[in-house]
Amino acid sequence: MTAGVRPSPARLYASHLKGLLLGIRSKAPFRKWFQCNICGAYNSRPYSDFNRESPSCDQCGSTVRMRAMIHHASEALYGRSLVLTEWPVHPEYRGVGLSDWDGYANRLPHRVNYTNTYYHQAPFLDITKPPAEMEHTCNFIISTDVFEHVLPPVSRAFEGAMKLLKPGGTLVMSVPFALETPETIEHYPDIHNFEIRKVGDDYELVNTLASGEVKVHRDLVFHGGPGDTLEMRVFAKEALRKNLEDAGFTDVRFRGESMKKYGIYWHYPWSVPVTAKAPG
């Protein structure tokens, strides 16, 4: 079937029945029909294909994580989960993304007043120091796997997000987090003046402390490939909750629930999306 063409109910049922019979006979993974809530395409995938990082929409390449961001943003703005291409047009709803994925970042401005921002290029936004003219102007913020890369202390990023939101606004975020550790693991808690050097096939971080002492760190962890975006920490779930609450957020929720019709399945309870609200 061609991606983006909606199957008839009869065809959906026939495909589901065929998959069920084949699964019983061969123990093959069941295939699941879903509509991508970003581009609107219909897809069929084995259950095992639905994971946090692997593309599972044949048309736009969205992952479970990206579809979850739009699912929760839609709930925050409209009170229900809608396909992004079917969101009502509301230019009075203002939001920012923090280095968001182009697949939804390019579609959001057609529905709401949304700007995708970056730390290293225009349009610039340092979430730890948002400009005064942006304070309390946003109905929503989307941040997917960004806060683990912010320089310490990371509390400044949560406080910055709170400053951006209007009363009642929503932060929709994701970060990798662990369940078994009580505290967030900071890789470089004393980082001050540093540079990352390539040494052969590897990289090292050279950190000059305020005292003048030089520390060299190896075995660096990058996201997006070697030398790309350095991981500064691994959050602990309850420490992440505390970060949000200390910044003033309320209704902090870890969103591990599935939304099957949009192909949002969470096989594990860690690193699921988080939503939190500004008071008001």
Protein backbone atom coordinates (compact mmCIF):
# COMPACT_ATOMS: atom_id res chain seq x y z
CA MET A 1 0.00 0.00 0.00
CA THR A 2 1.25 3.51 -0.79
CA ALA A 3 2.16 5.66 2.25
CA GLY A 4 -0.27 8.53 2.70
CA VAL A 5 -3.28 6.71 1.20
CA ARG A 6 -5.90 5.89 3.80
CA PRO A 7 -6.97 2.21 3.76
CA SER A 8 -10.65 1.38 3.88
CA PRO A 9 -12.06 -0.14 7.10
CA ALA A 10 -12.62 -3.42 5.25
CA ARG A 11 -9.01 -3.49 4.08
CA LEU A 12 -7.75 -2.65 7.55
CA TYR A 13 -9.79 -5.51 9.02
CA ALA A 14 -8.68 -7.97 6.32
CA SER A 15 -5.03 -7.00 6.83
CA HIS A 16 -5.35 -7.32 10.60
CA LEU A 17 -6.99 -10.75 10.29
CA LYS A 18 -4.35 -11.93 7.83
CA GLY A 19 -1.57 -10.71 10.12
CA LEU A 20 -3.20 -12.44 13.08
CA LEU A 21 -3.40 -15.76 11.23
CA LEU A 22 0.14 -15.49 9.93
CA GLY A 23 1.36 -14.58 13.40
CA ILE A 24 -0.31 -17.62 14.92
CA ARG A 25 1.12 -19.92 12.27
CA SER A 26 4.65 -18.57 12.05
CA LYS A 27 5.08 -16.60 15.27
CA ALA A 28 5.96 -13.64 13.07
CA PRO A 29 5.55 -10.17 14.64
CA PHE A 30 2.07 -8.68 14.25
CA ARG A 31 1.83 -5.67 11.98
CA LYS A 32 0.16 -2.53 13.26
CA TRP A 33 -1.64 0.07 11.17
CA PHE A 34 -1.20 3.65 12.33
CA GLN A 35 -1.56 7.16 11.03
CA CYS A 36 1.45 9.42 11.45
CA ASN A 37 0.19 12.42 13.40
CA ILE A 38 2.86 14.64 11.82
CA CYS A 39 2.46 14.13 8.07
CA GLY A 40 -0.88 12.25 8.06
CA ALA A 41 0.42 9.18 6.19
CA TYR A 42 -0.91 5.70 6.97
CA ASN A 43 1.65 3.00 7.66
CA SER A 44 1.88 -0.66 8.58
CA ARG A 45 4.75 -1.79 10.80
CA PRO A 46 5.71 -4.79 12.95
CA TYR A 47 5.21 -4.04 16.62
CA SER A 48 8.96 -4.41 17.17
CA ASP A 49 9.64 -1.43 14.86
CA PHE A 50 8.05 1.04 17.26
CA ASN A 51 10.89 2.39 19.35
CA ARG A 52 12.09 5.75 20.55
CA GLU A 53 14.69 6.54 17.91
CA SER A 54 14.08 4.48 14.76
CA PRO A 55 12.07 6.07 11.92
CA SER A 56 8.75 4.27 11.55
CA CYS A 57 6.73 6.48 9.19
CA ASP A 58 7.47 5.60 5.58
CA GLN A 59 6.62 9.11 4.36
CA CYS A 60 8.20 11.62 6.76
CA GLY A 61 10.50 9.34 8.77
CA SER A 62 9.04 10.26 12.15
CA THR A 63 9.98 8.26 15.23
CA VAL A 64 7.84 7.38 18.25
CA ARG A 65 9.52 10.24 20.14
CA MET A 66 8.71 12.85 17.50
CA ARG A 67 5.08 11.75 17.16
CA ALA A 68 4.75 11.87 20.95
CA MET A 69 5.94 15.49 21.02
CA ILE A 70 3.14 16.51 18.65
CA HIS A 71 0.60 14.34 20.45
CA HIS A 72 1.24 16.08 23.78
CA ALA A 73 1.53 19.55 22.25
CA SER A 74 -1.86 19.05 20.58
CA GLU A 75 -3.40 17.98 23.89
CA ALA A 76 -1.96 21.05 25.60
CA LEU A 77 -3.25 23.51 22.98
CA TYR A 78 -6.51 21.95 21.82
CA GLY A 79 -7.47 19.59 24.64
CA ARG A 80 -7.29 16.58 22.31
CA SER A 81 -4.79 14.79 20.13
CA LEU A 82 -4.99 15.80 16.46
CA VAL A 83 -2.93 15.12 13.36
CA LEU A 84 -0.67 18.15 12.91
CA THR A 85 -1.87 18.77 9.37
CA GLU A 86 -5.43 19.03 10.77
CA TRP A 87 -4.72 21.39 13.67
CA PRO A 88 -7.03 24.42 13.60
CA VAL A 89 -5.13 27.54 12.57
CA HIS A 90 -4.51 29.66 15.68
CA PRO A 91 -1.84 32.33 15.12
CA GLU A 92 -2.45 33.61 18.64
CA TYR A 93 -0.92 30.40 20.04
CA ARG A 94 2.79 31.10 20.35
CA GLY A 95 5.48 28.48 20.86
CA VAL A 96 9.18 27.85 20.46
CA GLY A 97 11.18 24.75 19.71
CA LEU A 98 14.72 24.08 20.87
CA SER A 99 16.57 22.67 17.84
CA ASP A 100 13.43 20.75 16.86
CA TRP A 101 13.23 18.12 14.14
CA ASP A 102 12.47 19.64 10.74
CA GLY A 103 9.70 17.11 10.09
CA TYR A 104 7.32 18.92 12.44
CA ALA A 105 9.18 22.21 12.82
CA ASN A 106 8.46 23.06 9.17
CA ARG A 107 4.76 22.25 9.53
CA LEU A 108 3.98 23.94 12.85
CA PRO A 109 4.21 27.56 11.54
CA HIS A 110 1.31 26.82 9.19
CA ARG A 111 -0.92 26.19 12.24
CA VAL A 112 0.39 28.31 15.11
CA ASN A 113 2.89 31.10 15.77
CA TYR A 114 5.90 28.85 16.19
CA THR A 115 9.63 29.47 15.84
CA ASN A 116 12.29 26.81 15.89
CA THR A 117 15.33 28.23 17.71
CA TYR A 118 18.96 27.23 18.05
CA TYR A 119 21.86 27.74 20.42
CA HIS A 120 24.47 27.99 17.63
CA GLN A 121 22.67 29.68 14.72
CA ALA A 122 19.80 32.05 13.97
CA PRO A 123 17.16 32.32 15.24
CA PHE A 124 19.17 32.18 18.45
CA LEU A 125 17.87 31.21 21.88
CA ASP A 126 19.94 30.29 24.90
CA ILE A 127 17.36 28.60 27.13
CA THR A 128 19.49 29.38 30.19
CA LYS A 129 19.27 33.14 29.44
CA PRO A 130 16.09 33.93 27.50
CA PRO A 131 15.82 37.57 26.40
CA ALA A 132 13.54 39.79 28.45
CA GLU A 133 11.27 40.55 25.48
CA MET A 134 10.39 36.84 25.19
CA GLU A 135 9.45 36.32 28.83
CA HIS A 136 5.91 35.05 29.44
CA THR A 137 5.04 35.07 25.72
CA CYS A 138 4.77 31.33 24.94
CA ASN A 139 1.82 28.99 25.19
CA PHE A 140 4.11 26.02 24.66
CA ILE A 141 7.74 24.95 24.38
CA ILE A 142 8.92 21.77 22.68
CA SER A 143 12.32 20.46 23.72
CA THR A 144 13.32 17.00 22.61
CA ASP A 145 16.60 15.65 23.96
CA VAL A 146 18.23 19.04 24.55
CA PHE A 147 18.54 19.53 28.31
CA GLU A 148 21.12 16.72 28.67
CA HIS A 149 23.49 18.87 26.59
CA VAL A 150 23.11 22.17 28.48
CA LEU A 151 26.17 23.35 30.39
CA PRO A 152 25.85 23.01 34.18
CA PRO A 153 24.13 24.04 36.30
CA VAL A 154 21.17 22.65 34.34
CA SER A 155 18.74 24.32 36.75
CA ARG A 156 19.18 27.50 34.67
CA ALA A 157 17.58 25.79 31.66
CA PHE A 158 14.47 24.81 33.60
CA GLU A 159 14.21 28.32 35.05
CA GLY A 160 14.61 29.78 31.56
CA ALA A 161 11.80 27.61 30.21
CA MET A 162 9.55 28.81 33.02
CA LYS A 163 10.35 32.43 32.17
CA LEU A 164 9.29 31.92 28.55
CA LEU A 165 5.87 30.44 29.31
CA LYS A 166 2.66 32.31 29.85
CA PRO A 167 0.64 31.35 32.95
CA GLY A 168 -0.84 27.95 32.17
CA GLY A 169 1.63 27.32 29.33
CA THR A 170 3.06 23.85 28.76
CA LEU A 171 6.56 22.47 28.41
CA VAL A 172 6.65 19.29 26.30
CA MET A 173 10.08 17.74 26.66
CA SER A 174 12.08 14.58 26.45
CA VAL A 175 15.49 13.66 27.79
CA PRO A 176 17.17 10.31 28.33
CA PHE A 177 16.68 9.41 31.98
CA ALA A 178 17.39 6.42 34.21
CA LEU A 179 15.10 4.83 36.76
CA GLU A 180 17.63 3.06 38.96
CA THR A 181 19.78 6.04 39.99
CA PRO A 182 18.51 8.48 42.64
CA GLU A 183 20.56 11.44 41.37
CA THR A 184 21.43 12.85 38.00
CA ILE A 185 24.96 11.93 36.92
CA GLU A 186 26.87 15.06 35.92
CA HIS A 187 29.82 14.17 33.70
CA TYR A 188 31.57 17.55 34.07
CA PRO A 189 30.22 19.34 37.17
CA ASP A 190 33.20 21.70 37.35
CA ILE A 191 33.37 22.62 33.68
CA HIS A 192 34.61 26.17 33.17
CA ASN A 193 36.71 27.03 30.11
CA PHE A 194 36.90 24.05 27.81
CA GLU A 195 37.55 22.82 24.31
CA ILE A 196 36.97 19.49 22.60
CA ARG A 197 39.94 18.14 20.67
CA LYS A 198 40.11 15.33 18.15
CA VAL A 199 42.92 12.94 18.98
CA GLY A 200 43.30 10.27 16.34
CA ASP A 201 39.91 8.60 15.98
CA ASP A 202 38.74 9.79 19.40
CA TYR A 203 37.92 13.04 21.16
CA GLU A 204 38.94 14.54 24.48
CA LEU A 205 37.59 17.44 26.52
CA VAL A 206 40.23 19.77 27.95
CA ASN A 207 38.79 21.80 30.82
CA THR A 208 40.65 24.69 32.43
CA LEU A 209 39.19 25.32 35.89
CA ALA A 210 38.79 28.76 37.43
CA SER A 211 41.87 27.94 39.54
CA GLY A 212 43.95 27.37 36.40
CA GLU A 213 44.14 23.62 36.85
CA VAL A 214 43.68 21.66 33.62
CA LYS A 215 41.64 18.46 33.50
CA VAL A 216 41.43 16.15 30.51
CA HIS A 217 38.36 13.94 30.04
CA ARG A 218 38.22 11.03 27.62
CA ASP A 219 35.56 8.46 26.68
CA LEU A 220 33.18 11.25 25.74
CA VAL A 221 29.57 10.45 24.83
CA PHE A 222 28.14 12.22 21.79
CA HIS A 223 24.58 12.23 20.47
CA GLY A 224 24.15 12.40 16.73
CA GLY A 225 27.55 10.89 15.98
CA PRO A 226 31.17 11.37 17.12
CA GLY A 227 32.11 14.98 17.72
CA ASP A 228 28.55 16.22 17.28
CA THR A 229 26.63 17.04 20.49
CA LEU A 230 28.31 16.24 23.79
CA GLU A 231 26.30 14.59 26.55
CA MET A 232 26.74 16.55 29.78
CA ARG A 233 24.63 14.37 32.07
CA VAL A 234 22.32 11.43 32.49
CA PHE A 235 19.17 12.47 34.32
CA ALA A 236 17.57 10.43 37.04
CA LYS A 237 13.79 10.35 36.84
CA GLU A 238 13.05 11.74 40.29
CA ALA A 239 15.85 14.31 40.00
CA LEU A 240 14.29 15.46 36.73
CA ARG A 241 10.95 15.85 38.46
CA LYS A 242 12.63 17.89 41.18
CA ASN A 243 14.37 20.10 38.59
CA LEU A 244 11.00 20.95 37.10
CA GLU A 245 9.26 21.53 40.43
CA ASP A 246 12.15 23.63 41.77
CA ALA A 247 11.79 25.87 38.70
CA GLY A 248 8.11 26.38 39.58
CA PHE A 249 6.45 23.88 37.22
CA THR A 250 3.28 22.10 38.29
CA ASP A 251 1.43 19.02 37.03
CA VAL A 252 4.68 17.25 36.11
CA ARG A 253 3.73 14.06 34.26
CA PHE A 254 5.86 11.27 32.82
CA ARG A 255 3.97 10.25 29.71
CA GLY A 256 4.54 6.54 29.18
CA GLU A 257 1.04 5.89 27.86
CA SER A 258 0.62 4.66 24.29
CA MET A 259 -1.47 6.25 21.54
CA LYS A 260 -1.84 3.33 19.18
CA LYS A 261 -3.68 5.05 16.36
CA TYR A 262 -0.68 7.36 15.91
CA GLY A 263 1.94 4.65 16.32
CA ILE A 264 3.09 5.82 19.76
CA TYR A 265 4.22 2.80 21.77
CA TRP A 266 6.57 2.89 24.74
CA HIS A 267 8.07 -0.54 25.38
CA TYR A 268 10.04 0.67 28.43
CA PRO A 269 9.30 3.16 31.24
CA TRP A 270 12.52 5.17 30.93
CA SER A 271 13.19 8.24 28.77
CA VAL A 272 9.49 8.77 27.97
CA PRO A 273 8.22 12.32 27.31
CA VAL A 274 7.48 14.69 30.17
CA THR A 275 4.89 17.46 30.29
CA ALA A 276 4.81 20.24 32.88
CA LYS A 277 2.79 23.41 33.28
CA ALA A 278 3.51 26.95 34.31
CA PRO A 279 1.25 27.95 37.24
CA GLY A 280 -1.92 29.83 36.39
